[in-house]
Amino acid sequence: MKTDEERFRDDYVYDRDDDEDDANPKATIRLRQRKFNAASSGFASTVWDSAIVLAKYLEKRNRASGAGARWRDAVELGAGCGLCACVLAKRCENLVTGTIYATDVAENMDLLTENVKACSSRIAPLAYDWRDAPPKSIDASRVDLILGTDLVYYDDAMPALVKTLKSFESEALVVYFAFGRNRQALPRFLECFDAEARDAFEEPRFLESHELDALYQCTDVSVMELKRK
């Protein structure tokens, strides 16, 4: 229900949580947005609800984890404006020790690169087509966390998405996908997952409402968790 100015022309500002200590506020994250155009692929030029829900879930995990990071490198697939990668880098100091890779197709990289470079030197923006092997600069054996938001909207891309997940072979790998109403390819994803990845991953699990941030959740956004066996 936002205006065009809020969705495409104004910067998106991701600020501190309402319950944080005023004496120790977290860093504000500011992301550029822009109108869709013929050169862009999909809807990667604005921040969607699913990215906010997943980002706030990561912050909740970070607060609960205490000192000591749990994962080495992380990859955000189809990162769009880069919100989740930026939140991992600047607001989740207990979760990831190494590099955070923000990836998308080449057509979307100019906006993504601008946003993540302004946010943190820990984030490496990379063009990544799921039909290809992971970029050589990513050590797939070190990637313990994969994130993605609103990726399951195009049936033909689902076999490549499942292939991509299987190419990351860390025994500690955890995947979180969030998606809103535009999830028409979810049945196709699950079909491909059952056929190609069931031997490598546990049963997909949808997070319960109480696991998400108490405020930043909505009935039309789901978060799915996948874990390596």
C-alpha atoms as a PDB file:
ATOM      1  CA  MET A   1       0.000   0.000   0.000  1.00  0.00           C
ATOM      2  CA  LYS A   2       2.985   2.323  -0.302  1.00  0.00           C
ATOM      3  CA  THR A   3       3.110   5.224  -2.720  1.00  0.00           C
ATOM      4  CA  ASP A   4       5.326   5.217  -5.806  1.00  0.00           C
ATOM      5  CA  GLU A   5       7.641   7.640  -4.034  1.00  0.00           C
ATOM      6  CA  GLU A   6       8.069   5.272  -1.079  1.00  0.00           C
ATOM      7  CA  ARG A   7       8.576   2.194  -3.265  1.00  0.00           C
ATOM      8  CA  PHE A   8      10.743   3.520  -6.064  1.00  0.00           C
ATOM      9  CA  ARG A   9      12.030   7.059  -5.578  1.00  0.00           C
ATOM     10  CA  ASP A  10      12.793   7.415  -1.874  1.00  0.00           C
ATOM     11  CA  ASP A  11      15.578   5.493  -0.174  1.00  0.00           C
ATOM     12  CA  TYR A  12      14.429   2.596   1.981  1.00  0.00           C
ATOM     13  CA  VAL A  13      15.582   3.164   5.561  1.00  0.00           C
ATOM     14  CA  TYR A  14      15.984   0.129   7.801  1.00  0.00           C
ATOM     15  CA  ASP A  15      16.424   1.493  11.314  1.00  0.00           C
ATOM     16  CA  ARG A  16      16.976   0.071  14.759  1.00  0.00           C
ATOM     17  CA  ASP A  17      14.429  -2.119  16.547  1.00  0.00           C
ATOM     18  CA  ASP A  18      11.882  -0.304  18.692  1.00  0.00           C
ATOM     19  CA  ASP A  19      12.951  -2.209  21.821  1.00  0.00           C
ATOM     20  CA  GLU A  20      16.667  -1.476  21.570  1.00  0.00           C
ATOM     21  CA  ASP A  21      18.539   0.449  24.208  1.00  0.00           C
ATOM     22  CA  ASP A  22      18.523   4.125  23.196  1.00  0.00           C
ATOM     23  CA  ALA A  23      22.084   4.407  24.479  1.00  0.00           C
ATOM     24  CA  ASN A  24      23.278   1.692  22.054  1.00  0.00           C
ATOM     25  CA  PRO A  25      21.322   2.071  18.820  1.00  0.00           C
ATOM     26  CA  LYS A  26      22.145  -0.187  15.883  1.00  0.00           C
ATOM     27  CA  ALA A  27      23.400   1.266  12.607  1.00  0.00           C
ATOM     28  CA  THR A  28      20.784   2.534  10.175  1.00  0.00           C
ATOM     29  CA  ILE A  29      20.841   0.886   6.732  1.00  0.00           C
ATOM     30  CA  ARG A  30      19.822   3.049   3.771  1.00  0.00           C
ATOM     31  CA  LEU A  31      19.130   1.442   0.389  1.00  0.00           C
ATOM     32  CA  ARG A  32      18.544   3.062  -2.961  1.00  0.00           C
ATOM     33  CA  GLN A  33      15.399   2.006  -4.845  1.00  0.00           C
ATOM     34  CA  ARG A  34      14.331   2.754  -8.396  1.00  0.00           C
ATOM     35  CA  LYS A  35      11.539   2.231 -10.891  1.00  0.00           C
ATOM     36  CA  PHE A  36      11.463  -1.001 -12.857  1.00  0.00           C
ATOM     37  CA  ASN A  37      12.805  -0.633 -16.380  1.00  0.00           C
ATOM     38  CA  ALA A  38      13.407  -2.720 -19.476  1.00  0.00           C
ATOM     39  CA  ALA A  39      17.003  -3.410 -18.444  1.00  0.00           C
ATOM     40  CA  SER A  40      16.129  -4.852 -15.037  1.00  0.00           C
ATOM     41  CA  SER A  41      15.248  -8.496 -14.472  1.00  0.00           C
ATOM     42  CA  GLY A  42      12.110  -9.157 -12.443  1.00  0.00           C
ATOM     43  CA  PHE A  43      11.297  -6.909  -9.495  1.00  0.00           C
ATOM     44  CA  ALA A  44      14.715  -6.350  -7.965  1.00  0.00           C
ATOM     45  CA  SER A  45      14.595  -2.582  -7.614  1.00  0.00           C
ATOM     46  CA  THR A  46      12.479  -2.175  -4.483  1.00  0.00           C
ATOM     47  CA  VAL A  47      12.469  -3.668  -0.971  1.00  0.00           C
ATOM     48  CA  TRP A  48       9.656  -6.194  -0.525  1.00  0.00           C
ATOM     49  CA  ASP A  49       7.953  -7.384   2.675  1.00  0.00           C
ATOM     50  CA  SER A  50       9.553 -10.820   2.523  1.00  0.00           C
ATOM     51  CA  ALA A  51      13.052  -9.303   2.717  1.00  0.00           C
ATOM     52  CA  ILE A  52      12.060  -7.281   5.799  1.00  0.00           C
ATOM     53  CA  VAL A  53      10.536 -10.331   7.535  1.00  0.00           C
ATOM     54  CA  LEU A  54      13.658 -12.411   6.858  1.00  0.00           C
ATOM     55  CA  ALA A  55      16.013  -9.611   7.908  1.00  0.00           C
ATOM     56  CA  LYS A  56      14.183  -9.161  11.205  1.00  0.00           C
ATOM     57  CA  TYR A  57      14.278 -12.920  11.774  1.00  0.00           C
ATOM     58  CA  LEU A  58      18.055 -12.832  11.341  1.00  0.00           C
ATOM     59  CA  GLU A  59      18.295 -10.036  13.889  1.00  0.00           C
ATOM     60  CA  LYS A  60      16.226 -12.061  16.332  1.00  0.00           C
ATOM     61  CA  ARG A  61      18.553 -15.040  15.810  1.00  0.00           C
ATOM     62  CA  ASN A  62      21.528 -12.752  16.338  1.00  0.00           C
ATOM     63  CA  ARG A  63      20.205 -11.466  19.669  1.00  0.00           C
ATOM     64  CA  ALA A  64      19.527 -15.014  20.855  1.00  0.00           C
ATOM     65  CA  SER A  65      22.859 -16.476  19.780  1.00  0.00           C
ATOM     66  CA  GLY A  66      25.090 -14.534  22.191  1.00  0.00           C
ATOM     67  CA  ALA A  67      28.801 -14.104  21.542  1.00  0.00           C
ATOM     68  CA  GLY A  68      30.413 -16.193  18.851  1.00  0.00           C
ATOM     69  CA  ALA A  69      29.361 -16.502  15.233  1.00  0.00           C
ATOM     70  CA  ARG A  70      27.668 -19.670  14.046  1.00  0.00           C
ATOM     71  CA  TRP A  71      28.360 -19.597  10.303  1.00  0.00           C
ATOM     72  CA  ARG A  72      31.389 -18.921   8.111  1.00  0.00           C
ATOM     73  CA  ASP A  73      30.500 -17.398   4.707  1.00  0.00           C
ATOM     74  CA  ALA A  74      26.974 -16.501   3.592  1.00  0.00           C
ATOM     75  CA  VAL A  75      25.336 -16.056   0.174  1.00  0.00           C
ATOM     76  CA  GLU A  76      22.212 -14.088  -0.642  1.00  0.00           C
ATOM     77  CA  LEU A  77      20.643 -15.317  -3.886  1.00  0.00           C
ATOM     78  CA  GLY A  78      18.602 -12.899  -5.997  1.00  0.00           C
ATOM     79  CA  ALA A  79      19.579 -10.173  -3.564  1.00  0.00           C
ATOM     80  CA  GLY A  80      17.817  -7.308  -5.349  1.00  0.00           C
ATOM     81  CA  CYS A  81      18.438  -4.192  -3.273  1.00  0.00           C
ATOM     82  CA  GLY A  82      20.593  -6.199  -0.850  1.00  0.00           C
ATOM     83  CA  LEU A  83      18.683  -5.775   2.408  1.00  0.00           C
ATOM     84  CA  CYS A  84      19.379  -9.194   3.958  1.00  0.00           C
ATOM     85  CA  ALA A  85      23.086  -9.091   3.080  1.00  0.00           C
ATOM     86  CA  CYS A  86      23.356  -5.616   4.600  1.00  0.00           C
ATOM     87  CA  VAL A  87      21.555  -6.660   7.781  1.00  0.00           C
ATOM     88  CA  LEU A  88      23.860  -9.663   8.169  1.00  0.00           C
ATOM     89  CA  ALA A  89      26.909  -7.424   7.788  1.00  0.00           C
ATOM     90  CA  LYS A  90      25.864  -4.530  10.017  1.00  0.00           C
ATOM     91  CA  ARG A  91      23.291  -5.861  12.455  1.00  0.00           C
ATOM     92  CA  CYS A  92      24.158  -9.557  13.008  1.00  0.00           C
ATOM     93  CA  GLU A  93      27.678  -9.626  14.393  1.00  0.00           C
ATOM     94  CA  ASN A  94      27.082 -13.007  16.106  1.00  0.00           C
ATOM     95  CA  LEU A  95      25.976 -14.944  13.034  1.00  0.00           C
ATOM     96  CA  VAL A  96      28.601 -14.817  10.250  1.00  0.00           C
ATOM     97  CA  THR A  97      32.383 -14.698  10.641  1.00  0.00           C
ATOM     98  CA  GLY A  98      33.485 -14.404   7.021  1.00  0.00           C
ATOM     99  CA  THR A  99      32.365 -12.905   3.734  1.00  0.00           C
ATOM    100  CA  ILE A 100      28.767 -12.180   2.778  1.00  0.00           C
ATOM    101  CA  TYR A 101      28.151 -12.557  -0.962  1.00  0.00           C
ATOM    102  CA  ALA A 102      25.257 -10.575  -2.428  1.00  0.00           C
ATOM    103  CA  THR A 103      24.382 -12.114  -5.786  1.00  0.00           C
ATOM    104  CA  ASP A 104      21.924 -11.457  -8.581  1.00  0.00           C
ATOM    105  CA  VAL A 105      21.760 -11.628 -12.358  1.00  0.00           C
ATOM    106  CA  ALA A 106      24.018  -9.214 -14.234  1.00  0.00           C
ATOM    107  CA  GLU A 107      21.166  -6.862 -15.173  1.00  0.00           C
ATOM    108  CA  ASN A 108      20.514  -6.066 -11.508  1.00  0.00           C
ATOM    109  CA  MET A 109      24.083  -5.634 -10.338  1.00  0.00           C
ATOM    110  CA  ASP A 110      24.469  -1.866 -10.625  1.00  0.00           C
ATOM    111  CA  LEU A 111      21.863  -1.066  -7.965  1.00  0.00           C
ATOM    112  CA  LEU A 112      22.871  -4.009  -5.757  1.00  0.00           C
ATOM    113  CA  THR A 113      26.555  -3.073  -5.943  1.00  0.00           C
ATOM    114  CA  GLU A 114      25.832   0.556  -5.096  1.00  0.00           C
ATOM    115  CA  ASN A 115      23.834  -0.441  -2.020  1.00  0.00           C
ATOM    116  CA  VAL A 116      26.137  -3.061  -0.541  1.00  0.00           C
ATOM    117  CA  LYS A 117      29.348  -1.120  -1.134  1.00  0.00           C
ATOM    118  CA  ALA A 118      27.835   1.818   0.724  1.00  0.00           C
ATOM    119  CA  CYS A 119      26.865  -0.516   3.569  1.00  0.00           C
ATOM    120  CA  SER A 120      29.872  -2.685   4.421  1.00  0.00           C
ATOM    121  CA  SER A 121      33.223  -3.873   3.098  1.00  0.00           C
ATOM    122  CA  ARG A 122      32.289  -7.375   4.334  1.00  0.00           C
ATOM    123  CA  ILE A 123      29.801  -7.738   1.470  1.00  0.00           C
ATOM    124  CA  ALA A 124      31.024  -8.881  -1.955  1.00  0.00           C
ATOM    125  CA  PRO A 125      28.565  -8.188  -4.803  1.00  0.00           C
ATOM    126  CA  LEU A 126      28.706 -10.837  -7.537  1.00  0.00           C
ATOM    127  CA  ALA A 127      26.748 -11.588 -10.686  1.00  0.00           C
ATOM    128  CA  TYR A 128      25.462 -15.155 -10.474  1.00  0.00           C
ATOM    129  CA  ASP A 129      23.213 -17.026 -12.910  1.00  0.00           C
ATOM    130  CA  TRP A 130      21.831 -20.173 -11.255  1.00  0.00           C
ATOM    131  CA  ARG A 131      22.328 -22.125 -14.468  1.00  0.00           C
ATOM    132  CA  ASP A 132      26.093 -21.783 -13.961  1.00  0.00           C
ATOM    133  CA  ALA A 133      28.475 -23.036 -11.289  1.00  0.00           C
ATOM    134  CA  PRO A 134      28.997 -20.644  -8.347  1.00  0.00           C
ATOM    135  CA  PRO A 135      31.484 -17.843  -9.153  1.00  0.00           C
ATOM    136  CA  LYS A 136      35.076 -18.969  -8.583  1.00  0.00           C
ATOM    137  CA  SER A 137      35.564 -16.256  -5.968  1.00  0.00           C
ATOM    138  CA  ILE A 138      33.087 -18.097  -3.716  1.00  0.00           C
ATOM    139  CA  ASP A 139      34.488 -21.053  -1.792  1.00  0.00           C
ATOM    140  CA  ALA A 140      31.356 -23.195  -1.854  1.00  0.00           C
ATOM    141  CA  SER A 141      32.709 -25.452   0.899  1.00  0.00           C
ATOM    142  CA  ARG A 142      32.764 -22.486   3.337  1.00  0.00           C
ATOM    143  CA  VAL A 143      29.216 -21.269   2.704  1.00  0.00           C
ATOM    144  CA  ASP A 144      27.170 -22.222   5.759  1.00  0.00           C
ATOM    145  CA  LEU A 145      24.214 -19.887   5.161  1.00  0.00           C
ATOM    146  CA  ILE A 146      22.139 -19.180   2.040  1.00  0.00           C
ATOM    147  CA  LEU A 147      19.363 -16.586   1.962  1.00  0.00           C
ATOM    148  CA  GLY A 148      16.764 -15.786  -0.669  1.00  0.00           C
ATOM    149  CA  THR A 149      13.575 -13.756  -0.842  1.00  0.00           C
ATOM    150  CA  ASP A 150      10.802 -13.974  -3.439  1.00  0.00           C
ATOM    151  CA  LEU A 151      12.688 -16.460  -5.602  1.00  0.00           C
ATOM    152  CA  VAL A 152       9.859 -18.925  -6.295  1.00  0.00           C
ATOM    153  CA  TYR A 153       7.770 -17.050  -8.848  1.00  0.00           C
ATOM    154  CA  TYR A 154       9.003 -18.550 -12.160  1.00  0.00           C
ATOM    155  CA  ASP A 155       8.588 -22.286 -12.801  1.00  0.00           C
ATOM    156  CA  ASP A 156      11.347 -22.568 -15.377  1.00  0.00           C
ATOM    157  CA  ALA A 157      13.975 -21.278 -12.909  1.00  0.00           C
ATOM    158  CA  MET A 158      13.266 -23.857 -10.205  1.00  0.00           C
ATOM    159  CA  PRO A 159      15.454 -26.724 -11.492  1.00  0.00           C
ATOM    160  CA  ALA A 160      18.422 -24.335 -11.619  1.00  0.00           C
ATOM    161  CA  LEU A 161      17.655 -23.023  -8.131  1.00  0.00           C
ATOM    162  CA  VAL A 162      17.674 -26.545  -6.688  1.00  0.00           C
ATOM    163  CA  LYS A 163      20.897 -27.305  -8.587  1.00  0.00           C
ATOM    164  CA  THR A 164      22.418 -24.186  -7.048  1.00  0.00           C
ATOM    165  CA  LEU A 165      21.535 -25.299  -3.521  1.00  0.00           C
ATOM    166  CA  LYS A 166      23.126 -28.696  -4.109  1.00  0.00           C
ATOM    167  CA  SER A 167      26.356 -27.070  -5.316  1.00  0.00           C
ATOM    168  CA  PHE A 168      27.034 -25.758  -1.787  1.00  0.00           C
ATOM    169  CA  GLU A 169      28.201 -28.777   0.183  1.00  0.00           C
ATOM    170  CA  SER A 170      29.035 -27.528   3.672  1.00  0.00           C
ATOM    171  CA  GLU A 171      27.792 -30.007   6.269  1.00  0.00           C
ATOM    172  CA  ALA A 172      26.589 -27.042   8.328  1.00  0.00           C
ATOM    173  CA  LEU A 173      24.600 -25.468   5.468  1.00  0.00           C
ATOM    174  CA  VAL A 174      21.305 -23.807   6.380  1.00  0.00           C
ATOM    175  CA  VAL A 175      19.008 -22.155   3.825  1.00  0.00           C
ATOM    176  CA  TYR A 176      16.292 -19.601   4.553  1.00  0.00           C
ATOM    177  CA  PHE A 177      13.855 -18.648   1.797  1.00  0.00           C
ATOM    178  CA  ALA A 178      11.141 -16.059   2.426  1.00  0.00           C
ATOM    179  CA  PHE A 179       8.323 -15.414  -0.006  1.00  0.00           C
ATOM    180  CA  GLY A 180       5.142 -13.397  -0.153  1.00  0.00           C
ATOM    181  CA  ARG A 181       2.049 -13.841  -2.298  1.00  0.00           C
ATOM    182  CA  ASN A 182       4.101 -14.085  -5.494  1.00  0.00           C
ATOM    183  CA  ARG A 183       4.989 -17.735  -4.877  1.00  0.00           C
ATOM    184  CA  GLN A 184       3.320 -19.500  -7.774  1.00  0.00           C
ATOM    185  CA  ALA A 185       6.439 -21.572  -8.519  1.00  0.00           C
ATOM    186  CA  LEU A 186       6.678 -23.024  -4.989  1.00  0.00           C
ATOM    187  CA  PRO A 187       5.041 -26.337  -6.001  1.00  0.00           C
ATOM    188  CA  ARG A 188       7.554 -26.633  -8.844  1.00  0.00           C
ATOM    189  CA  PHE A 189      10.433 -25.875  -6.483  1.00  0.00           C
ATOM    190  CA  LEU A 190       9.298 -28.545  -4.031  1.00  0.00           C
ATOM    191  CA  GLU A 191       8.846 -31.027  -6.886  1.00  0.00           C
ATOM    192  CA  CYS A 192      12.410 -30.391  -8.099  1.00  0.00           C
ATOM    193  CA  PHE A 193      13.696 -30.485  -4.533  1.00  0.00           C
ATOM    194  CA  ASP A 194      12.080 -33.881  -3.926  1.00  0.00           C
ATOM    195  CA  ALA A 195      13.540 -35.257  -7.158  1.00  0.00           C
ATOM    196  CA  GLU A 196      17.056 -33.811  -6.966  1.00  0.00           C
ATOM    197  CA  ALA A 197      17.943 -32.795  -3.398  1.00  0.00           C
ATOM    198  CA  ARG A 198      16.022 -34.945  -0.973  1.00  0.00           C
ATOM    199  CA  ASP A 199      19.068 -37.141  -0.396  1.00  0.00           C
ATOM    200  CA  ALA A 200      21.161 -34.124   0.658  1.00  0.00           C
ATOM    201  CA  PHE A 201      18.706 -32.088   2.742  1.00  0.00           C
ATOM    202  CA  GLU A 202      16.285 -32.627   5.573  1.00  0.00           C
ATOM    203  CA  GLU A 203      12.539 -32.136   5.069  1.00  0.00           C
ATOM    204  CA  PRO A 204      11.718 -28.469   4.299  1.00  0.00           C
ATOM    205  CA  ARG A 205      10.299 -26.717   7.363  1.00  0.00           C
ATOM    206  CA  PHE A 206       8.172 -23.579   7.516  1.00  0.00           C
ATOM    207  CA  LEU A 207       8.948 -21.409  10.523  1.00  0.00           C
ATOM    208  CA  GLU A 208       6.195 -20.870  13.069  1.00  0.00           C
ATOM    209  CA  SER A 209       4.939 -17.392  13.872  1.00  0.00           C
ATOM    210  CA  HIS A 210       6.553 -17.423  17.329  1.00  0.00           C
ATOM    211  CA  GLU A 211       9.973 -18.036  15.747  1.00  0.00           C
ATOM    212  CA  LEU A 212       9.793 -14.844  13.686  1.00  0.00           C
ATOM    213  CA  ASP A 213      10.130 -11.307  14.975  1.00  0.00           C
ATOM    214  CA  ALA A 214       7.026 -10.557  17.027  1.00  0.00           C
ATOM    215  CA  LEU A 215       6.245  -7.364  15.112  1.00  0.00           C
ATOM    216  CA  TYR A 216       7.789  -7.822  11.670  1.00  0.00           C
ATOM    217  CA  GLN A 217       5.707 -10.662  10.259  1.00  0.00           C
ATOM    218  CA  CYS A 218       2.521 -10.907   8.214  1.00  0.00           C
ATOM    219  CA  THR A 219       0.146 -13.634   7.148  1.00  0.00           C
ATOM    220  CA  ASP A 220       1.153 -13.548   3.469  1.00  0.00           C
ATOM    221  CA  VAL A 221       4.917 -13.959   4.057  1.00  0.00           C
ATOM    222  CA  SER A 222       6.354 -17.405   4.855  1.00  0.00           C
ATOM    223  CA  VAL A 223       9.911 -18.391   5.776  1.00  0.00           C
ATOM    224  CA  MET A 224      11.149 -21.848   4.828  1.00  0.00           C
ATOM    225  CA  GLU A 225      14.201 -23.523   6.371  1.00  0.00           C
ATOM    226  CA  LEU A 226      16.319 -26.161   4.663  1.00  0.00           C
ATOM    227  CA  LYS A 227      19.215 -27.951   6.372  1.00  0.00           C
ATOM    228  CA  ARG A 228      21.896 -30.271   5.065  1.00  0.00           C
ATOM    229  CA  LYS A 229      21.697 -33.794   6.428  1.00  0.00           C
END
